[in-house]
Each structure stands twice: as C-alpha cells, then as structure tokens.
Amino acid sequence: MNPETAPQEITTLVGREVYTKNGVFVGEVEDLRLDLNVEQVTGLALHQINAELFGPDVSGSRGVIVPYRWVQAVGDIVIVNDVVERVHGDEGDEEEVAA
C-alpha cells in the first residue's frame, strides 16, 4: 500500500497545529467530532485558539469546533479555509463554529 494513500489513525490529528490557507494560526487539535453512523470525522475540536481570530466570544478554557469540510490538507499541520471569513462573514456560516 502506498504510504501517501494509506489511511491514518484519526488520533494522529490530535496535537497538530491548525493554520488557515493564508498561514494564520487558528489553534491546536484537541479532539475530534465523529459521526459513527457513517464512520467519518465531521469536526475538529480546537483549543489554544488564536484570540485575534475569534475575539471575546471564545476565551479562557473555551474552544471551537471547526467543520471537517473546511479542512484543505493534513500533514505535519492541518490547513483549513480562511476561518476569519467564515466566522465574521455575512454568509450565515457563523453557526458552524461552536464554542
């Protein structure tokens, strides 16, 4: 099996830093949200959140859950769509980020 296409254990995501595709630090993966019915990761629970991105709504011990569909790439780090646009945009996606 090709190592690049081999499935990875989902626990390898825990502890990885998350950045936007523009290189802005978002947070660190603390846990995963799973849909056991379809055996699929549906979200990344982040902690050590970049306060500049999320403002006063997320502070202290609170974190956010980023929908897994925002993930663009996984390697040594996780790359996601531009979270600032998603959180502060007018598209109604604000519901997607849970604290």
Protein backbone atom coordinates (compact mmCIF):
# COMPACT_ATOMS: atom_id res chain seq x y z
CA MET A 1 0.00 0.00 0.00
CA ASN A 2 1.29 3.46 -0.92
CA PRO A 3 2.14 5.36 2.31
CA GLU A 4 0.69 8.57 0.85
CA THR A 5 -2.73 7.00 0.29
CA ALA A 6 -2.73 4.70 3.32
CA PRO A 7 -5.38 5.56 5.90
CA GLN A 8 -4.08 7.31 9.01
CA GLU A 9 -5.28 6.76 12.53
CA ILE A 10 -7.50 9.66 13.47
CA THR A 11 -5.67 10.05 16.76
CA THR A 12 -2.66 11.31 14.80
CA LEU A 13 -4.59 14.57 14.27
CA VAL A 14 -4.67 15.34 18.00
CA GLY A 15 -1.98 17.84 18.92
CA ARG A 16 -1.45 19.15 15.40
CA GLU A 17 -1.47 22.88 14.85
CA VAL A 18 -4.16 24.30 12.58
CA TYR A 19 -3.49 27.17 10.17
CA THR A 20 -5.57 28.93 7.54
CA LYS A 21 -4.54 28.53 3.94
CA ASN A 22 -3.13 32.06 4.29
CA GLY A 23 -0.76 30.94 7.07
CA VAL A 24 -2.64 32.36 10.08
CA PHE A 25 -2.53 30.19 13.23
CA VAL A 26 -6.05 29.09 14.27
CA GLY A 27 -5.49 26.68 17.17
CA GLU A 28 -4.44 23.15 18.06
CA VAL A 29 -6.48 19.97 17.60
CA GLU A 30 -7.63 18.73 21.00
CA ASP A 31 -10.28 16.23 19.95
CA LEU A 32 -12.38 15.09 17.00
CA ARG A 33 -16.10 15.04 16.33
CA LEU A 34 -17.18 11.77 14.74
CA ASP A 35 -20.33 10.57 13.01
CA LEU A 36 -20.31 6.90 13.97
CA ASN A 37 -23.18 6.06 11.61
CA VAL A 38 -21.05 6.82 8.57
CA GLU A 39 -17.67 6.31 10.28
CA GLN A 40 -16.48 9.78 9.35
CA VAL A 41 -14.76 12.72 11.04
CA THR A 42 -17.15 15.69 11.00
CA GLY A 43 -15.23 18.27 13.00
CA LEU A 44 -12.02 19.23 14.74
CA ALA A 45 -12.27 20.46 18.34
CA LEU A 46 -9.60 23.13 18.74
CA HIS A 47 -8.06 24.66 21.85
CA GLN A 48 -5.29 27.23 22.34
CA ILE A 49 -7.36 29.38 20.00
CA ASN A 50 -5.95 32.46 18.28
CA ALA A 51 -7.86 35.20 20.15
CA GLU A 52 -7.33 37.65 17.29
CA LEU A 53 -9.46 35.45 15.03
CA PHE A 54 -12.33 34.70 17.36
CA GLY A 55 -12.37 37.76 19.63
CA PRO A 56 -14.06 37.88 23.02
CA ASP A 57 -16.63 35.22 22.08
CA VAL A 58 -14.05 32.49 22.62
CA SER A 59 -11.73 32.94 25.56
CA GLY A 60 -10.27 31.15 28.53
CA SER A 61 -10.91 27.42 28.52
CA ARG A 62 -13.41 27.55 25.66
CA GLY A 63 -12.55 26.24 22.24
CA VAL A 64 -14.21 25.90 18.86
CA ILE A 65 -15.25 23.06 16.61
CA VAL A 66 -14.26 23.57 13.00
CA PRO A 67 -16.29 21.56 10.47
CA TYR A 68 -14.06 18.96 8.85
CA ARG A 69 -15.26 20.03 5.41
CA TRP A 70 -13.19 23.20 5.93
CA VAL A 71 -10.00 21.09 6.07
CA GLN A 72 -7.94 21.54 2.92
CA ALA A 73 -4.87 19.45 3.79
CA VAL A 74 -3.44 17.31 6.59
CA GLY A 75 0.28 16.78 7.06
CA ASP A 76 2.58 17.95 9.82
CA ILE A 77 -0.04 20.68 10.29
CA VAL A 78 -3.70 20.98 9.33
CA ILE A 79 -4.69 23.61 6.75
CA VAL A 80 -8.26 24.95 6.78
CA ASN A 81 -10.23 27.51 4.78
CA ASP A 82 -9.91 31.08 5.92
CA VAL A 83 -11.68 30.91 9.28
CA VAL A 84 -11.94 34.68 9.68
CA GLU A 85 -14.22 34.90 6.64
CA ARG A 86 -16.34 32.04 7.95
CA VAL A 87 -16.71 33.43 11.46
CA HIS A 88 -17.25 37.06 10.57
CA GLY A 89 -18.75 36.70 7.08
CA ASP A 90 -22.29 37.53 6.04
CA GLU A 91 -22.92 34.04 4.68
CA GLY A 92 -24.68 32.77 7.80
CA ASP A 93 -21.86 30.28 8.49
CA GLU A 94 -21.42 31.71 11.98
CA GLU A 95 -23.48 28.79 13.28
CA GLU A 96 -20.80 26.40 12.02
CA VAL A 97 -18.26 27.42 14.66
CA ALA A 98 -19.40 26.12 18.03
CA ALA A 99 -17.82 27.20 21.28
